[in-house]
C-alpha atoms as a PDB file:
ATOM      1  CA  UNK A   1     -23.025  50.845  24.834  1.00  0.00           C
ATOM      2  CA  UNK A   2     -22.186  51.118  28.546  1.00  0.00           C
ATOM      3  CA  UNK A   3     -21.672  54.592  30.029  1.00  0.00           C
ATOM      4  CA  UNK A   4     -18.923  55.110  32.697  1.00  0.00           C
ATOM      5  CA  UNK A   5     -19.775  58.429  35.152  1.00  0.00           C
ATOM      6  CA  UNK A   6     -16.825  59.629  36.917  1.00  0.00           C
ATOM      7  CA  UNK A   7     -16.118  63.376  38.383  1.00  0.00           C
ATOM      8  CA  UNK A   8     -19.308  64.659  36.522  1.00  0.00           C
ATOM      9  CA  UNK A   9     -18.194  63.343  33.302  1.00  0.00           C
ATOM     10  CA  UNK A  10     -20.130  60.537  31.282  1.00  0.00           C
ATOM     11  CA  UNK A  11     -17.872  58.546  28.716  1.00  0.00           C
ATOM     12  CA  UNK A  12     -19.330  55.879  26.281  1.00  0.00           C
ATOM     13  CA  UNK A  13     -17.420  52.681  25.750  1.00  0.00           C
ATOM     14  CA  UNK A  14     -17.855  49.413  24.202  1.00  0.00           C
ATOM     15  CA  UNK A  15     -19.129  46.269  26.381  1.00  0.00           C
ATOM     16  CA  UNK A  16     -16.402  44.652  27.863  1.00  0.00           C
ATOM     17  CA  UNK A  17     -14.000  47.520  27.731  1.00  0.00           C
ATOM     18  CA  UNK A  18     -11.096  47.768  30.169  1.00  0.00           C
ATOM     19  CA  UNK A  19     -12.166  50.605  32.686  1.00  0.00           C
ATOM     20  CA  UNK A  20      -8.514  51.529  33.006  1.00  0.00           C
ATOM     21  CA  UNK A  21      -7.915  51.933  29.384  1.00  0.00           C
ATOM     22  CA  UNK A  22     -11.103  53.804  28.752  1.00  0.00           C
ATOM     23  CA  UNK A  23     -10.688  56.114  31.765  1.00  0.00           C
ATOM     24  CA  UNK A  24      -7.112  57.073  30.637  1.00  0.00           C
ATOM     25  CA  UNK A  25      -7.928  57.629  27.121  1.00  0.00           C
ATOM     26  CA  UNK A  26     -10.581  60.178  28.048  1.00  0.00           C
ATOM     27  CA  UNK A  27      -8.289  61.975  30.403  1.00  0.00           C
ATOM     28  CA  UNK A  28      -9.641  61.052  33.619  1.00  0.00           C
ATOM     29  CA  UNK A  29      -7.144  61.103  36.486  1.00  0.00           C
ATOM     30  CA  UNK A  30      -6.711  57.585  37.713  1.00  0.00           C
ATOM     31  CA  UNK A  31      -3.515  57.887  39.770  1.00  0.00           C
ATOM     32  CA  UNK A  32      -2.670  59.868  42.637  1.00  0.00           C
ATOM     33  CA  UNK A  33       0.524  61.958  42.937  1.00  0.00           C
ATOM     34  CA  UNK A  34       3.845  59.700  42.347  1.00  0.00           C
ATOM     35  CA  UNK A  35       1.402  56.739  41.321  1.00  0.00           C
ATOM     36  CA  UNK A  36       1.022  58.789  38.085  1.00  0.00           C
ATOM     37  CA  UNK A  37       4.603  57.627  36.951  1.00  0.00           C
ATOM     38  CA  UNK A  38       5.149  54.422  39.080  1.00  0.00           C
ATOM     39  CA  UNK A  39       2.528  52.161  38.496  1.00  0.00           C
ATOM     40  CA  UNK A  40       2.538  48.690  37.082  1.00  0.00           C
ATOM     41  CA  UNK A  41       0.817  49.988  33.851  1.00  0.00           C
ATOM     42  CA  UNK A  42      -2.126  47.507  33.970  1.00  0.00           C
ATOM     43  CA  UNK A  43      -0.864  44.156  34.755  1.00  0.00           C
ATOM     44  CA  UNK A  44      -2.673  44.171  38.388  1.00  0.00           C
ATOM     45  CA  UNK A  45       0.207  44.211  40.700  1.00  0.00           C
ATOM     46  CA  UNK A  46       0.723  47.349  42.305  1.00  0.00           C
ATOM     47  CA  UNK A  47      -2.962  48.556  43.200  1.00  0.00           C
ATOM     48  CA  UNK A  48      -2.579  52.239  42.460  1.00  0.00           C
ATOM     49  CA  UNK A  49      -5.651  52.141  40.134  1.00  0.00           C
ATOM     50  CA  UNK A  50      -8.110  51.282  42.930  1.00  0.00           C
ATOM     51  CA  UNK A  51     -11.518  52.853  42.814  1.00  0.00           C
ATOM     52  CA  UNK A  52     -14.942  52.209  43.775  1.00  0.00           C
ATOM     53  CA  UNK A  53     -17.247  51.258  41.049  1.00  0.00           C
ATOM     54  CA  UNK A  54     -21.027  50.995  41.249  1.00  0.00           C
ATOM     55  CA  UNK A  55     -22.751  49.200  38.361  1.00  0.00           C
ATOM     56  CA  UNK A  56     -22.380  46.367  35.826  1.00  0.00           C
ATOM     57  CA  UNK A  57     -18.571  45.174  35.855  1.00  0.00           C
ATOM     58  CA  UNK A  58     -16.684  41.953  35.711  1.00  0.00           C
ATOM     59  CA  UNK A  59     -16.282  39.968  39.071  1.00  0.00           C
ATOM     60  CA  UNK A  60     -13.018  40.046  40.876  1.00  0.00           C
ATOM     61  CA  UNK A  61     -10.592  38.062  39.319  1.00  0.00           C
ATOM     62  CA  UNK A  62      -7.568  36.488  41.270  1.00  0.00           C
ATOM     63  CA  UNK A  63      -5.079  39.358  40.617  1.00  0.00           C
ATOM     64  CA  UNK A  64      -7.716  41.851  42.395  1.00  0.00           C
ATOM     65  CA  UNK A  65      -8.425  39.616  45.079  1.00  0.00           C
ATOM     66  CA  UNK A  66      -4.684  38.888  45.857  1.00  0.00           C
ATOM     67  CA  UNK A  67      -3.653  42.668  45.515  1.00  0.00           C
ATOM     68  CA  UNK A  68      -6.633  44.018  47.288  1.00  0.00           C
ATOM     69  CA  UNK A  69      -6.214  41.710  50.169  1.00  0.00           C
ATOM     70  CA  UNK A  70      -2.813  43.238  51.134  1.00  0.00           C
ATOM     71  CA  UNK A  71      -2.290  46.531  52.959  1.00  0.00           C
ATOM     72  CA  UNK A  72      -2.707  49.299  52.333  1.00  0.00           C
ATOM     73  CA  UNK A  73      -5.849  47.874  50.701  1.00  0.00           C
ATOM     74  CA  UNK A  74      -8.783  46.227  52.421  1.00  0.00           C
ATOM     75  CA  UNK A  75     -11.246  44.073  50.474  1.00  0.00           C
ATOM     76  CA  UNK A  76     -13.930  45.372  52.836  1.00  0.00           C
ATOM     77  CA  UNK A  77     -13.839  48.724  51.099  1.00  0.00           C
ATOM     78  CA  UNK A  78     -15.164  47.297  47.952  1.00  0.00           C
ATOM     79  CA  UNK A  79     -12.751  48.897  45.799  1.00  0.00           C
ATOM     80  CA  UNK A  80     -11.542  47.519  42.185  1.00  0.00           C
ATOM     81  CA  UNK A  81      -8.384  47.714  40.209  1.00  0.00           C
ATOM     82  CA  UNK A  82      -9.295  49.872  37.181  1.00  0.00           C
ATOM     83  CA  UNK A  83      -6.910  47.766  35.170  1.00  0.00           C
ATOM     84  CA  UNK A  84      -8.577  44.308  36.043  1.00  0.00           C
ATOM     85  CA  UNK A  85     -11.996  45.533  35.522  1.00  0.00           C
ATOM     86  CA  UNK A  86     -14.253  44.966  32.445  1.00  0.00           C
ATOM     87  CA  UNK A  87     -17.323  47.494  31.916  1.00  0.00           C
ATOM     88  CA  UNK A  88     -20.236  45.368  31.286  1.00  0.00           C
ATOM     89  CA  UNK A  89     -23.042  47.959  31.802  1.00  0.00           C
ATOM     90  CA  UNK A  90     -23.571  51.518  33.096  1.00  0.00           C
ATOM     91  CA  UNK A  91     -21.027  52.225  36.194  1.00  0.00           C
ATOM     92  CA  UNK A  92     -20.371  55.089  38.333  1.00  0.00           C
ATOM     93  CA  UNK A  93     -16.578  55.625  39.630  1.00  0.00           C
ATOM     94  CA  UNK A  94     -15.201  57.175  42.652  1.00  0.00           C
ATOM     95  CA  UNK A  95     -11.469  57.622  43.412  1.00  0.00           C
ATOM     96  CA  UNK A  96     -10.219  58.088  46.605  1.00  0.00           C
ATOM     97  CA  UNK A  97      -6.868  59.857  47.793  1.00  0.00           C
ATOM     98  CA  UNK A  98      -3.905  58.003  48.698  1.00  0.00           C
ATOM     99  CA  UNK A  99      -0.865  56.679  46.882  1.00  0.00           C
ATOM    100  CA  UNK A 100      -2.829  53.474  46.256  1.00  0.00           C
ATOM    101  CA  UNK A 101      -6.341  55.177  46.270  1.00  0.00           C
ATOM    102  CA  UNK A 102      -6.764  53.273  49.430  1.00  0.00           C
ATOM    103  CA  UNK A 103      -7.933  56.606  51.350  1.00  0.00           C
ATOM    104  CA  UNK A 104     -11.421  57.705  52.775  1.00  0.00           C
ATOM    105  CA  UNK A 105     -11.567  61.345  50.997  1.00  0.00           C
ATOM    106  CA  UNK A 106     -13.291  61.288  47.599  1.00  0.00           C
ATOM    107  CA  UNK A 107     -10.816  62.810  44.886  1.00  0.00           C
ATOM    108  CA  UNK A 108     -13.222  62.666  42.213  1.00  0.00           C
ATOM    109  CA  UNK A 109     -16.576  60.890  41.934  1.00  0.00           C
ATOM    110  CA  UNK A 110     -19.865  60.867  39.819  1.00  0.00           C
ATOM    111  CA  UNK A 111     -21.235  64.060  41.767  1.00  0.00           C
ATOM    112  CA  UNK A 112     -17.576  66.281  41.558  1.00  0.00           C
END
């Protein structure tokens, strides 16, 4: 059973679980500011659930590549859309600032 670590909290989930669903179900803050209300609810179009993920997850799909290629995101930052990411093994998640999670200041991380 994979473990997700975020903000000093560890969450167990089933292999193949959707990262967004697991984080929200377990009370983790996934969106910044108004993005908590104004987001696509997991269809991969808005980009507000962008996080840094280190560990065993599904590869980028076409929705993620398309959204993360558009400003304010940058593919070089290695962010993932939590709504499009499947957890395959243990992972560490870091959330950054900015409406879309595109910033450089850590909001929550594995060591928070």
